[in-house]
Amino acid sequence: MKVIAAYLLAVLGGNTSPSAADIKEILGCVGADANDDRIEQLLSEIKGRDIVEVIAAGREKLASVPAGGGGAVAVAAAPGGAAADGPAAEAKKEEKEEEKEESDDVSGLLPLDLFFFLVF
């Protein structure tokens, strides 16, 4: 993501075709390490493409990515109107949080175009 962000910063700064040296310079300014392989991969995939078109393609792909949970969570009420706070309820909350943390990391599964969209 930092390589893509550096590329986009260069484009926003007026450089319509940033080079590997430009990206390395931007990353160096903030003390980030530059991975040459990732920079070359990005430049080869973006070569000859307009950044606006790449972002638009990412938006289209984002529309096809499932983003819903599908079901509502029912909360059982205890007598007197208070919510049930037993050990089972706590275990369910922890399990649900763990599932959410695991499902949030999809960076390795998304196409490059979608990464450009997500940066904005």
PDB file of N, CA and C in Angstrom:
ATOM      1  N   MET A   1       0.813  -1.184   0.000  1.00  0.00           N
ATOM      2  CA  MET A   1       0.000   0.000   0.000  1.00  0.00           C
ATOM      3  C   MET A   1       0.865   1.260   0.000  1.00  0.00           C
ATOM      4  N   LYS A   2       2.005   1.222   0.683  1.00  0.00           N
ATOM      5  CA  LYS A   2       2.810   2.437   0.740  1.00  0.00           C
ATOM      6  C   LYS A   2       3.406   2.781  -0.622  1.00  0.00           C
ATOM      7  N   VAL A   3       3.676   1.779  -1.440  1.00  0.00           N
ATOM      8  CA  VAL A   3       4.190   2.042  -2.785  1.00  0.00           C
ATOM      9  C   VAL A   3       3.098   2.695  -3.629  1.00  0.00           C
ATOM     10  N   ILE A   4       1.881   2.181  -3.512  1.00  0.00           N
ATOM     11  CA  ILE A   4       0.753   2.756  -4.252  1.00  0.00           C
ATOM     12  C   ILE A   4       0.484   4.177  -3.768  1.00  0.00           C
ATOM     13  N   ALA A   5       0.527   4.374  -2.460  1.00  0.00           N
ATOM     14  CA  ALA A   5       0.299   5.709  -1.920  1.00  0.00           C
ATOM     15  C   ALA A   5       1.363   6.687  -2.414  1.00  0.00           C
ATOM     16  N   ALA A   6       2.615   6.255  -2.457  1.00  0.00           N
ATOM     17  CA  ALA A   6       3.688   7.121  -2.944  1.00  0.00           C
ATOM     18  C   ALA A   6       3.479   7.437  -4.423  1.00  0.00           C
ATOM     19  N   TYR A   7       3.055   6.457  -5.200  1.00  0.00           N
ATOM     20  CA  TYR A   7       2.772   6.677  -6.621  1.00  0.00           C
ATOM     21  C   TYR A   7       1.672   7.723  -6.769  1.00  0.00           C
ATOM     22  N   LEU A   8       0.598   7.563  -6.003  1.00  0.00           N
ATOM     23  CA  LEU A   8      -0.513   8.509  -6.089  1.00  0.00           C
ATOM     24  C   LEU A   8      -0.111   9.907  -5.633  1.00  0.00           C
ATOM     25  N   LEU A   9       0.734   9.998  -4.631  1.00  0.00           N
ATOM     26  CA  LEU A   9       1.227  11.310  -4.193  1.00  0.00           C
ATOM     27  C   LEU A   9       2.013  11.997  -5.303  1.00  0.00           C
ATOM     28  N   ALA A  10       2.815  11.222  -6.007  1.00  0.00           N
ATOM     29  CA  ALA A  10       3.583  11.786  -7.115  1.00  0.00           C
ATOM     30  C   ALA A  10       2.649  12.287  -8.219  1.00  0.00           C
ATOM     31  N   VAL A  11       1.613  11.504  -8.521  1.00  0.00           N
ATOM     32  CA  VAL A  11       0.648  11.904  -9.544  1.00  0.00           C
ATOM     33  C   VAL A  11      -0.094  13.161  -9.098  1.00  0.00           C
ATOM     34  N   LEU A  12      -0.512  13.191  -7.844  1.00  0.00           N
ATOM     35  CA  LEU A  12      -1.206  14.371  -7.330  1.00  0.00           C
ATOM     36  C   LEU A  12      -0.302  15.598  -7.320  1.00  0.00           C
ATOM     37  N   GLY A  13       0.985  15.380  -7.218  1.00  0.00           N
ATOM     38  CA  GLY A  13       1.951  16.469  -7.238  1.00  0.00           C
ATOM     39  C   GLY A  13       2.262  16.970  -8.638  1.00  0.00           C
ATOM     40  N   GLY A  14       1.668  16.362  -9.665  1.00  0.00           N
ATOM     41  CA  GLY A  14       1.860  16.829 -11.025  1.00  0.00           C
ATOM     42  C   GLY A  14       2.703  15.931 -11.905  1.00  0.00           C
ATOM     43  N   ASN A  15       3.281  14.895 -11.368  1.00  0.00           N
ATOM     44  CA  ASN A  15       4.095  13.955 -12.144  1.00  0.00           C
ATOM     45  C   ASN A  15       3.167  12.883 -12.716  1.00  0.00           C
ATOM     46  N   THR A  16       2.837  12.985 -14.001  1.00  0.00           N
ATOM     47  CA  THR A  16       1.867  12.055 -14.593  1.00  0.00           C
ATOM     48  C   THR A  16       2.410  10.652 -14.798  1.00  0.00           C
ATOM     49  N   SER A  17       3.728  10.493 -14.778  1.00  0.00           N
ATOM     50  CA  SER A  17       4.331   9.175 -14.964  1.00  0.00           C
ATOM     51  C   SER A  17       5.521   9.014 -14.019  1.00  0.00           C
ATOM     52  N   PRO A  18       5.257   8.777 -12.737  1.00  0.00           N
ATOM     53  CA  PRO A  18       6.344   8.642 -11.759  1.00  0.00           C
ATOM     54  C   PRO A  18       7.249   7.449 -12.053  1.00  0.00           C
ATOM     55  N   SER A  19       8.525   7.632 -11.823  1.00  0.00           N
ATOM     56  CA  SER A  19       9.501   6.552 -12.003  1.00  0.00           C
ATOM     57  C   SER A  19       9.756   5.866 -10.660  1.00  0.00           C
ATOM     58  N   ALA A  20      10.529   4.803 -10.703  1.00  0.00           N
ATOM     59  CA  ALA A  20      10.895   4.098  -9.469  1.00  0.00           C
ATOM     60  C   ALA A  20      11.667   5.027  -8.541  1.00  0.00           C
ATOM     61  N   ALA A  21      12.523   5.876  -9.121  1.00  0.00           N
ATOM     62  CA  ALA A  21      13.294   6.812  -8.299  1.00  0.00           C
ATOM     63  C   ALA A  21      12.379   7.822  -7.604  1.00  0.00           C
ATOM     64  N   ASP A  22      11.333   8.260  -8.302  1.00  0.00           N
ATOM     65  CA  ASP A  22      10.374   9.193  -7.694  1.00  0.00           C
ATOM     66  C   ASP A  22       9.675   8.560  -6.505  1.00  0.00           C
ATOM     67  N   ILE A  23       9.255   7.318  -6.679  1.00  0.00           N
ATOM     68  CA  ILE A  23       8.556   6.605  -5.603  1.00  0.00           C
ATOM     69  C   ILE A  23       9.494   6.383  -4.421  1.00  0.00           C
ATOM     70  N   LYS A  24      10.737   5.989  -4.705  1.00  0.00           N
ATOM     71  CA  LYS A  24      11.719   5.777  -3.635  1.00  0.00           C
ATOM     72  C   LYS A  24      11.998   7.075  -2.878  1.00  0.00           C
ATOM     73  N   GLU A  25      12.051   8.186  -3.593  1.00  0.00           N
ATOM     74  CA  GLU A  25      12.305   9.474  -2.960  1.00  0.00           C
ATOM     75  C   GLU A  25      11.172   9.849  -2.002  1.00  0.00           C
ATOM     76  N   ILE A  26       9.937   9.640  -2.437  1.00  0.00           N
ATOM     77  CA  ILE A  26       8.785   9.944  -1.580  1.00  0.00           C
ATOM     78  C   ILE A  26       8.795   9.053  -0.344  1.00  0.00           C
ATOM     79  N   LEU A  27       9.042   7.765  -0.538  1.00  0.00           N
ATOM     80  CA  LEU A  27       9.087   6.850   0.601  1.00  0.00           C
ATOM     81  C   LEU A  27      10.236   7.190   1.544  1.00  0.00           C
ATOM     82  N   GLY A  28      11.360   7.603   0.984  1.00  0.00           N
ATOM     83  CA  GLY A  28      12.508   7.975   1.802  1.00  0.00           C
ATOM     84  C   GLY A  28      12.251   9.202   2.653  1.00  0.00           C
ATOM     85  N   CYS A  29      11.423  10.107   2.161  1.00  0.00           N
ATOM     86  CA  CYS A  29      11.104  11.329   2.904  1.00  0.00           C
ATOM     87  C   CYS A  29      10.385  11.037   4.218  1.00  0.00           C
ATOM     88  N   VAL A  30       9.678   9.931   4.261  1.00  0.00           N
ATOM     89  CA  VAL A  30       8.953   9.583   5.481  1.00  0.00           C
ATOM     90  C   VAL A  30       9.618   8.438   6.231  1.00  0.00           C
ATOM     91  N   GLY A  31      10.788   8.031   5.779  1.00  0.00           N
ATOM     92  CA  GLY A  31      11.543   6.990   6.461  1.00  0.00           C
ATOM     93  C   GLY A  31      11.046   5.584   6.194  1.00  0.00           C
ATOM     94  N   ALA A  32      10.275   5.395   5.124  1.00  0.00           N
ATOM     95  CA  ALA A  32       9.763   4.065   4.784  1.00  0.00           C
ATOM     96  C   ALA A  32      10.743   3.357   3.857  1.00  0.00           C
ATOM     97  N   ASP A  33      10.848   2.044   4.019  1.00  0.00           N
ATOM     98  CA  ASP A  33      11.701   1.242   3.147  1.00  0.00           C
ATOM     99  C   ASP A  33      11.026   1.058   1.801  1.00  0.00           C
ATOM    100  N   ALA A  34      11.812   1.109   0.746  1.00  0.00           N
ATOM    101  CA  ALA A  34      11.295   0.920  -0.608  1.00  0.00           C
ATOM    102  C   ALA A  34      11.623  -0.490  -1.066  1.00  0.00           C
ATOM    103  N   ASN A  35      10.610  -1.260  -1.400  1.00  0.00           N
ATOM    104  CA  ASN A  35      10.783  -2.612  -1.902  1.00  0.00           C
ATOM    105  C   ASN A  35      10.843  -2.535  -3.430  1.00  0.00           C
ATOM    106  N   ASP A  36      12.013  -2.756  -3.999  1.00  0.00           N
ATOM    107  CA  ASP A  36      12.206  -2.622  -5.443  1.00  0.00           C
ATOM    108  C   ASP A  36      11.285  -3.528  -6.254  1.00  0.00           C
ATOM    109  N   ASP A  37      11.063  -4.743  -5.770  1.00  0.00           N
ATOM    110  CA  ASP A  37      10.199  -5.672  -6.493  1.00  0.00           C
ATOM    111  C   ASP A  37       8.768  -5.154  -6.593  1.00  0.00           C
ATOM    112  N   ARG A  38       8.263  -4.635  -5.487  1.00  0.00           N
ATOM    113  CA  ARG A  38       6.893  -4.109  -5.480  1.00  0.00           C
ATOM    114  C   ARG A  38       6.777  -2.860  -6.350  1.00  0.00           C
ATOM    115  N   ILE A  39       7.786  -2.028  -6.321  1.00  0.00           N
ATOM    116  CA  ILE A  39       7.774  -0.824  -7.150  1.00  0.00           C
ATOM    117  C   ILE A  39       7.748  -1.206  -8.624  1.00  0.00           C
ATOM    118  N   GLU A  40       8.603  -2.132  -9.008  1.00  0.00           N
ATOM    119  CA  GLU A  40       8.650  -2.569 -10.410  1.00  0.00           C
ATOM    120  C   GLU A  40       7.347  -3.248 -10.825  1.00  0.00           C
ATOM    121  N   GLN A  41       6.747  -4.026  -9.919  1.00  0.00           N
ATOM    122  CA  GLN A  41       5.478  -4.678 -10.219  1.00  0.00           C
ATOM    123  C   GLN A  41       4.394  -3.627 -10.456  1.00  0.00           C
ATOM    124  N   LEU A  42       4.322  -2.646  -9.591  1.00  0.00           N
ATOM    125  CA  LEU A  42       3.337  -1.572  -9.746  1.00  0.00           C
ATOM    126  C   LEU A  42       3.538  -0.839 -11.060  1.00  0.00           C
ATOM    127  N   LEU A  43       4.772  -0.447 -11.338  1.00  0.00           N
ATOM    128  CA  LEU A  43       5.046   0.313 -12.556  1.00  0.00           C
ATOM    129  C   LEU A  43       4.742  -0.493 -13.811  1.00  0.00           C
ATOM    130  N   SER A  44       4.995  -1.791 -13.775  1.00  0.00           N
ATOM    131  CA  SER A  44       4.697  -2.615 -14.950  1.00  0.00           C
ATOM    132  C   SER A  44       3.190  -2.788 -15.147  1.00  0.00           C
ATOM    133  N   GLU A  45       2.436  -2.874 -14.052  1.00  0.00           N
ATOM    134  CA  GLU A  45       0.991  -3.050 -14.160  1.00  0.00           C
ATOM    135  C   GLU A  45       0.274  -1.754 -14.528  1.00  0.00           C
ATOM    136  N   ILE A  46       0.840  -0.624 -14.175  1.00  0.00           N
ATOM    137  CA  ILE A  46       0.192   0.659 -14.413  1.00  0.00           C
ATOM    138  C   ILE A  46       0.692   1.331 -15.690  1.00  0.00           C
ATOM    139  N   LYS A  47       1.756   0.790 -16.264  1.00  0.00           N
ATOM    140  CA  LYS A  47       2.378   1.400 -17.437  1.00  0.00           C
ATOM    141  C   LYS A  47       1.380   1.589 -18.578  1.00  0.00           C
ATOM    142  N   GLY A  48       1.308   2.820 -19.079  1.00  0.00           N
ATOM    143  CA  GLY A  48       0.435   3.134 -20.196  1.00  0.00           C
ATOM    144  C   GLY A  48      -1.031   3.307 -19.837  1.00  0.00           C
ATOM    145  N   ARG A  49      -1.351   3.255 -18.562  1.00  0.00           N
ATOM    146  CA  ARG A  49      -2.746   3.399 -18.129  1.00  0.00           C
ATOM    147  C   ARG A  49      -2.934   4.745 -17.446  1.00  0.00           C
ATOM    148  N   ASP A  50      -4.093   5.333 -17.645  1.00  0.00           N
ATOM    149  CA  ASP A  50      -4.443   6.591 -17.000  1.00  0.00           C
ATOM    150  C   ASP A  50      -4.927   6.287 -15.580  1.00  0.00           C
ATOM    151  N   ILE A  51      -4.411   7.014 -14.604  1.00  0.00           N
ATOM    152  CA  ILE A  51      -4.744   6.743 -13.205  1.00  0.00           C
ATOM    153  C   ILE A  51      -6.236   6.919 -12.940  1.00  0.00           C
ATOM    154  N   VAL A  52      -6.866   7.865 -13.613  1.00  0.00           N
ATOM    155  CA  VAL A  52      -8.304   8.081 -13.434  1.00  0.00           C
ATOM    156  C   VAL A  52      -9.089   6.855 -13.910  1.00  0.00           C
ATOM    157  N   GLU A  53      -8.658   6.262 -15.013  1.00  0.00           N
ATOM    158  CA  GLU A  53      -9.316   5.057 -15.519  1.00  0.00           C
ATOM    159  C   GLU A  53      -9.087   3.869 -14.586  1.00  0.00           C
ATOM    160  N   VAL A  54      -7.907   3.785 -14.010  1.00  0.00           N
ATOM    161  CA  VAL A  54      -7.601   2.697 -13.078  1.00  0.00           C
ATOM    162  C   VAL A  54      -8.495   2.805 -11.840  1.00  0.00           C
ATOM    163  N   ILE A  55      -8.653   4.013 -11.335  1.00  0.00           N
ATOM    164  CA  ILE A  55      -9.501   4.222 -10.158  1.00  0.00           C
ATOM    165  C   ILE A  55     -10.954   3.914 -10.503  1.00  0.00           C
ATOM    166  N   ALA A  56     -11.410   4.333 -11.680  1.00  0.00           N
ATOM    167  CA  ALA A  56     -12.788   4.046 -12.108  1.00  0.00           C
ATOM    168  C   ALA A  56     -13.015   2.543 -12.216  1.00  0.00           C
ATOM    169  N   ALA A  57     -12.042   1.815 -12.747  1.00  0.00           N
ATOM    170  CA  ALA A  57     -12.161   0.360 -12.848  1.00  0.00           C
ATOM    171  C   ALA A  57     -12.213  -0.267 -11.460  1.00  0.00           C
ATOM    172  N   GLY A  58     -11.468   0.286 -10.528  1.00  0.00           N
ATOM    173  CA  GLY A  58     -11.497  -0.204  -9.150  1.00  0.00           C
ATOM    174  C   GLY A  58     -12.848   0.004  -8.505  1.00  0.00           C
ATOM    175  N   ARG A  59     -13.480   1.132  -8.786  1.00  0.00           N
ATOM    176  CA  ARG A  59     -14.815   1.394  -8.244  1.00  0.00           C
ATOM    177  C   ARG A  59     -15.822   0.382  -8.783  1.00  0.00           C
ATOM    178  N   GLU A  60     -15.714   0.061 -10.052  1.00  0.00           N
ATOM    179  CA  GLU A  60     -16.617  -0.925 -10.638  1.00  0.00           C
ATOM    180  C   GLU A  60     -16.418  -2.293  -9.989  1.00  0.00           C
ATOM    181  N   LYS A  61     -15.170  -2.658  -9.759  1.00  0.00           N
ATOM    182  CA  LYS A  61     -14.887  -3.947  -9.129  1.00  0.00           C
ATOM    183  C   LYS A  61     -15.346  -3.959  -7.679  1.00  0.00           C
ATOM    184  N   LEU A  62     -15.255  -2.815  -7.016  1.00  0.00           N
ATOM    185  CA  LEU A  62     -15.683  -2.730  -5.626  1.00  0.00           C
ATOM    186  C   LEU A  62     -17.176  -3.006  -5.503  1.00  0.00           C
ATOM    187  N   ALA A  63     -17.949  -2.629  -6.489  1.00  0.00           N
ATOM    188  CA  ALA A  63     -19.385  -2.860  -6.458  1.00  0.00           C
ATOM    189  C   ALA A  63     -19.722  -4.344  -6.412  1.00  0.00           C
ATOM    190  N   SER A  64     -18.843  -5.197  -6.916  1.00  0.00           N
ATOM    191  CA  SER A  64     -19.106  -6.629  -6.928  1.00  0.00           C
ATOM    192  C   SER A  64     -18.577  -7.351  -5.696  1.00  0.00           C
ATOM    193  N   VAL A  65     -17.893  -6.658  -4.810  1.00  0.00           N
ATOM    194  CA  VAL A  65     -17.347  -7.272  -3.598  1.00  0.00           C
ATOM    195  C   VAL A  65     -18.438  -7.334  -2.536  1.00  0.00           C
ATOM    196  N   PRO A  66     -18.718  -8.518  -1.990  1.00  0.00           N
ATOM    197  CA  PRO A  66     -19.738  -8.603  -0.942  1.00  0.00           C
ATOM    198  C   PRO A  66     -19.306  -7.812   0.285  1.00  0.00           C
ATOM    199  N   ALA A  67     -20.248  -7.057   0.843  1.00  0.00           N
ATOM    200  CA  ALA A  67     -19.895  -6.211   1.969  1.00  0.00           C
ATOM    201  C   ALA A  67     -20.885  -6.313   3.120  1.00  0.00           C
ATOM    202  N   GLY A  68     -21.813  -7.221   3.067  1.00  0.00           N
ATOM    203  CA  GLY A  68     -22.823  -7.294   4.112  1.00  0.00           C
ATOM    204  C   GLY A  68     -22.646  -8.489   5.011  1.00  0.00           C
ATOM    205  N   GLY A  69     -23.316  -8.421   6.146  1.00  0.00           N
ATOM    206  CA  GLY A  69     -23.295  -9.522   7.088  1.00  0.00           C
ATOM    207  C   GLY A  69     -24.443 -10.474   6.848  1.00  0.00           C
ATOM    208  N   GLY A  70     -25.574  -9.934   6.423  1.00  0.00           N
ATOM    209  CA  GLY A  70     -26.694 -10.768   6.071  1.00  0.00           C
ATOM    210  C   GLY A  70     -27.723 -10.963   7.156  1.00  0.00           C
ATOM    211  N   GLY A  71     -27.337 -11.046   8.389  1.00  0.00           N
ATOM    212  CA  GLY A  71     -28.313 -11.321   9.440  1.00  0.00           C
ATOM    213  C   GLY A  71     -28.189 -10.370  10.603  1.00  0.00           C
ATOM    214  N   ALA A  72     -29.293 -10.134  11.254  1.00  0.00           N
ATOM    215  CA  ALA A  72     -29.292  -9.274  12.435  1.00  0.00           C
ATOM    216  C   ALA A  72     -29.034 -10.129  13.671  1.00  0.00           C
ATOM    217  N   VAL A  73     -28.404  -9.536  14.651  1.00  0.00           N
ATOM    218  CA  VAL A  73     -28.113 -10.231  15.891  1.00  0.00           C
ATOM    219  C   VAL A  73     -29.228  -9.929  16.879  1.00  0.00           C
ATOM    220  N   ALA A  74     -29.859 -10.965  17.401  1.00  0.00           N
ATOM    221  CA  ALA A  74     -30.927 -10.791  18.387  1.00  0.00           C
ATOM    222  C   ALA A  74     -30.316 -10.777  19.783  1.00  0.00           C
ATOM    223  N   VAL A  75     -30.777  -9.849  20.602  1.00  0.00           N
ATOM    224  CA  VAL A  75     -30.298  -9.749  21.976  1.00  0.00           C
ATOM    225  C   VAL A  75     -31.429 -10.186  22.888  1.00  0.00           C
ATOM    226  N   ALA A  76     -31.153 -11.183  23.718  1.00  0.00           N
ATOM    227  CA  ALA A  76     -32.163 -11.667  24.653  1.00  0.00           C
ATOM    228  C   ALA A  76     -32.239 -10.723  25.843  1.00  0.00           C
ATOM    229  N   ALA A  77     -33.442 -10.393  26.236  1.00  0.00           N
ATOM    230  CA  ALA A  77     -33.633  -9.494  27.369  1.00  0.00           C
ATOM    231  C   ALA A  77     -33.840 -10.312  28.640  1.00  0.00           C
ATOM    232  N   ALA A  78     -33.188  -9.895  29.701  1.00  0.00           N
ATOM    233  CA  ALA A  78     -33.352 -10.534  31.000  1.00  0.00           C
ATOM    234  C   ALA A  78     -34.572  -9.932  31.685  1.00  0.00           C
ATOM    235  N   PRO A  79     -35.084 -10.602  32.679  1.00  0.00           N
ATOM    236  CA  PRO A  79     -36.221 -10.035  33.405  1.00  0.00           C
ATOM    237  C   PRO A  79     -35.883  -8.644  33.933  1.00  0.00           C
ATOM    238  N   GLY A  80     -36.816  -7.750  33.838  1.00  0.00           N
ATOM    239  CA  GLY A  80     -36.594  -6.388  34.307  1.00  0.00           C
ATOM    240  C   GLY A  80     -36.081  -5.489  33.196  1.00  0.00           C
ATOM    241  N   GLY A  81     -35.933  -5.979  31.986  1.00  0.00           N
ATOM    242  CA  GLY A  81     -35.536  -5.154  30.854  1.00  0.00           C
ATOM    243  C   GLY A  81     -34.033  -5.049  30.636  1.00  0.00           C
ATOM    244  N   ALA A  82     -33.213  -5.645  31.461  1.00  0.00           N
ATOM    245  CA  ALA A  82     -31.760  -5.574  31.291  1.00  0.00           C
ATOM    246  C   ALA A  82     -31.308  -6.664  30.323  1.00  0.00           C
ATOM    247  N   ALA A  83     -30.271  -6.396  29.571  1.00  0.00           N
ATOM    248  CA  ALA A  83     -29.735  -7.380  28.627  1.00  0.00           C
ATOM    249  C   ALA A  83     -29.013  -8.486  29.377  1.00  0.00           C
ATOM    250  N   ALA A  84     -29.036  -9.682  28.817  1.00  0.00           N
ATOM    251  CA  ALA A  84     -28.354 -10.818  29.430  1.00  0.00           C
ATOM    252  C   ALA A  84     -26.852 -10.655  29.268  1.00  0.00           C
ATOM    253  N   ASP A  85     -26.114 -10.661  30.377  1.00  0.00           N
ATOM    254  CA  ASP A  85     -24.663 -10.464  30.338  1.00  0.00           C
ATOM    255  C   ASP A  85     -23.920 -11.663  30.904  1.00  0.00           C
ATOM    256  N   GLY A  86     -24.399 -12.847  30.678  1.00  0.00           N
ATOM    257  CA  GLY A  86     -23.755 -14.045  31.193  1.00  0.00           C
ATOM    258  C   GLY A  86     -22.505 -14.395  30.419  1.00  0.00           C
ATOM    259  N   PRO A  87     -21.809 -15.434  30.851  1.00  0.00           N
ATOM    260  CA  PRO A  87     -20.581 -15.864  30.172  1.00  0.00           C
ATOM    261  C   PRO A  87     -20.825 -16.259  28.718  1.00  0.00           C
ATOM    262  N   ALA A  88     -21.987 -16.813  28.426  1.00  0.00           N
ATOM    263  CA  ALA A  88     -22.283 -17.215  27.045  1.00  0.00           C
ATOM    264  C   ALA A  88     -22.353 -15.994  26.134  1.00  0.00           C
ATOM    265  N   ALA A  89     -22.944 -14.922  26.630  1.00  0.00           N
ATOM    266  CA  ALA A  89     -23.045 -13.693  25.829  1.00  0.00           C
ATOM    267  C   ALA A  89     -21.660 -13.107  25.569  1.00  0.00           C
ATOM    268  N   GLU A  90     -20.805 -13.150  26.592  1.00  0.00           N
ATOM    269  CA  GLU A  90     -19.439 -12.640  26.421  1.00  0.00           C
ATOM    270  C   GLU A  90     -18.660 -13.498  25.420  1.00  0.00           C
ATOM    271  N   ALA A  91     -18.836 -14.792  25.477  1.00  0.00           N
ATOM    272  CA  ALA A  91     -18.140 -15.688  24.552  1.00  0.00           C
ATOM    273  C   ALA A  91     -18.574 -15.420  23.116  1.00  0.00           C
ATOM    274  N   LYS A  92     -19.870 -15.171  22.920  1.00  0.00           N
ATOM    275  CA  LYS A  92     -20.367 -14.876  21.579  1.00  0.00           C
ATOM    276  C   LYS A  92     -19.793 -13.559  21.066  1.00  0.00           C
ATOM    277  N   LYS A  93     -19.701 -12.561  21.942  1.00  0.00           N
ATOM    278  CA  LYS A  93     -19.144 -11.268  21.547  1.00  0.00           C
ATOM    279  C   LYS A  93     -17.686 -11.424  21.122  1.00  0.00           C
ATOM    280  N   GLU A  94     -16.910 -12.168  21.922  1.00  0.00           N
ATOM    281  CA  GLU A  94     -15.498 -12.367  21.598  1.00  0.00           C
ATOM    282  C   GLU A  94     -15.345 -13.135  20.290  1.00  0.00           C
ATOM    283  N   GLU A  95     -16.178 -14.149  20.086  1.00  0.00           N
ATOM    284  CA  GLU A  95     -16.106 -14.948  18.863  1.00  0.00           C
ATOM    285  C   GLU A  95     -16.443 -14.074  17.649  1.00  0.00           C
ATOM    286  N   LYS A  96     -17.444 -13.243  17.776  1.00  0.00           N
ATOM    287  CA  LYS A  96     -17.845 -12.375  16.674  1.00  0.00           C
ATOM    288  C   LYS A  96     -16.736 -11.371  16.349  1.00  0.00           C
ATOM    289  N   GLU A  97     -16.066 -10.817  17.373  1.00  0.00           N
ATOM    290  CA  GLU A  97     -14.967  -9.880  17.149  1.00  0.00           C
ATOM    291  C   GLU A  97     -13.805 -10.575  16.449  1.00  0.00           C
ATOM    292  N   GLU A  98     -13.504 -11.813  16.833  1.00  0.00           N
ATOM    293  CA  GLU A  98     -12.424 -12.549  16.188  1.00  0.00           C
ATOM    294  C   GLU A  98     -12.742 -12.806  14.727  1.00  0.00           C
ATOM    295  N   GLU A  99     -13.984 -13.176  14.422  1.00  0.00           N
ATOM    296  CA  GLU A  99     -14.374 -13.400  13.034  1.00  0.00           C
ATOM    297  C   GLU A  99     -14.220 -12.134  12.215  1.00  0.00           C
ATOM    298  N   LYS A 100     -14.598 -11.008  12.787  1.00  0.00           N
ATOM    299  CA  LYS A 100     -14.509  -9.739  12.078  1.00  0.00           C
ATOM    300  C   LYS A 100     -13.055  -9.388  11.791  1.00  0.00           C
ATOM    301  N   GLU A 101     -12.165  -9.587  12.765  1.00  0.00           N
ATOM    302  CA  GLU A 101     -10.755  -9.285  12.565  1.00  0.00           C
ATOM    303  C   GLU A 101     -10.154 -10.153  11.461  1.00  0.00           C
ATOM    304  N   GLU A 102     -10.524 -11.412  11.421  1.00  0.00           N
ATOM    305  CA  GLU A 102      -9.995 -12.309  10.409  1.00  0.00           C
ATOM    306  C   GLU A 102     -10.502 -11.949   9.020  1.00  0.00           C
ATOM    307  N   SER A 103     -11.748 -11.551   8.923  1.00  0.00           N
ATOM    308  CA  SER A 103     -12.329 -11.289   7.611  1.00  0.00           C
ATOM    309  C   SER A 103     -11.944  -9.924   7.064  1.00  0.00           C
ATOM    310  N   ASP A 104     -11.400  -9.031   7.870  1.00  0.00           N
ATOM    311  CA  ASP A 104     -11.044  -7.691   7.400  1.00  0.00           C
ATOM    312  C   ASP A 104      -9.816  -7.683   6.507  1.00  0.00           C
ATOM    313  N   ASP A 105      -8.929  -8.650   6.636  1.00  0.00           N
ATOM    314  CA  ASP A 105      -7.689  -8.647   5.882  1.00  0.00           C
ATOM    315  C   ASP A 105      -7.880  -9.341   4.541  1.00  0.00           C
ATOM    316  N   VAL A 106      -8.254  -8.574   3.526  1.00  0.00           N
ATOM    317  CA  VAL A 106      -8.440  -9.120   2.186  1.00  0.00           C
ATOM    318  C   VAL A 106      -7.474  -8.474   1.208  1.00  0.00           C
ATOM    319  N   SER A 107      -6.436  -7.809   1.732  1.00  0.00           N
ATOM    320  CA  SER A 107      -5.524  -7.066   0.866  1.00  0.00           C
ATOM    321  C   SER A 107      -4.824  -7.960  -0.147  1.00  0.00           C
ATOM    322  N   GLY A 108      -4.557  -9.194   0.191  1.00  0.00           N
ATOM    323  CA  GLY A 108      -3.897 -10.082  -0.748  1.00  0.00           C
ATOM    324  C   GLY A 108      -4.839 -10.650  -1.797  1.00  0.00           C
ATOM    325  N   LEU A 109      -6.132 -10.444  -1.639  1.00  0.00           N
ATOM    326  CA  LEU A 109      -7.098 -11.034  -2.548  1.00  0.00           C
ATOM    327  C   LEU A 109      -7.674 -10.040  -3.548  1.00  0.00           C
ATOM    328  N   LEU A 110      -7.475  -8.750  -3.335  1.00  0.00           N
ATOM    329  CA  LEU A 110      -8.094  -7.747  -4.186  1.00  0.00           C
ATOM    330  C   LEU A 110      -7.204  -7.386  -5.357  1.00  0.00           C
ATOM    331  N   PRO A 111      -7.790  -7.057  -6.511  1.00  0.00           N
ATOM    332  CA  PRO A 111      -6.986  -6.646  -7.661  1.00  0.00           C
ATOM    333  C   PRO A 111      -6.352  -5.281  -7.440  1.00  0.00           C
ATOM    334  N   LEU A 112      -5.311  -5.008  -8.175  1.00  0.00           N
ATOM    335  CA  LEU A 112      -4.578  -3.753  -8.039  1.00  0.00           C
ATOM    336  C   LEU A 112      -5.477  -2.547  -8.237  1.00  0.00           C
ATOM    337  N   ASP A 113      -6.398  -2.613  -9.182  1.00  0.00           N
ATOM    338  CA  ASP A 113      -7.292  -1.490  -9.433  1.00  0.00           C
ATOM    339  C   ASP A 113      -8.093  -1.134  -8.191  1.00  0.00           C
ATOM    340  N   LEU A 114      -8.498  -2.142  -7.437  1.00  0.00           N
ATOM    341  CA  LEU A 114      -9.277  -1.901  -6.241  1.00  0.00           C
ATOM    342  C   LEU A 114      -8.438  -1.231  -5.163  1.00  0.00           C
ATOM    343  N   PHE A 115      -7.153  -1.545  -5.090  1.00  0.00           N
ATOM    344  CA  PHE A 115      -6.281  -0.887  -4.130  1.00  0.00           C
ATOM    345  C   PHE A 115      -6.240   0.611  -4.378  1.00  0.00           C
ATOM    346  N   PHE A 116      -6.192   1.001  -5.643  1.00  0.00           N
ATOM    347  CA  PHE A 116      -6.169   2.417  -5.955  1.00  0.00           C
ATOM    348  C   PHE A 116      -7.428   3.092  -5.461  1.00  0.00           C
ATOM    349  N   PHE A 117      -8.549   2.417  -5.594  1.00  0.00           N
ATOM    350  CA  PHE A 117      -9.800   2.997  -5.128  1.00  0.00           C
ATOM    351  C   PHE A 117      -9.790   3.126  -3.606  1.00  0.00           C
ATOM    352  N   LEU A 118      -9.305   2.119  -2.916  1.00  0.00           N
ATOM    353  CA  LEU A 118      -9.326   2.121  -1.464  1.00  0.00           C
ATOM    354  C   LEU A 118      -8.417   3.165  -0.848  1.00  0.00           C
ATOM    355  N   VAL A 119      -7.422   3.606  -1.573  1.00  0.00           N
ATOM    356  CA  VAL A 119      -6.517   4.628  -1.046  1.00  0.00           C
ATOM    357  C   VAL A 119      -7.268   5.937  -0.841  1.00  0.00           C
ATOM    358  N   PHE A 120      -8.230   6.211  -1.704  1.00  0.00           N
ATOM    359  CA  PHE A 120      -8.989   7.451  -1.572  1.00  0.00           C
ATOM    360  C   PHE A 120      -9.999   7.274  -0.520  1.00  0.00           C
TER     361      PHE A 120
END
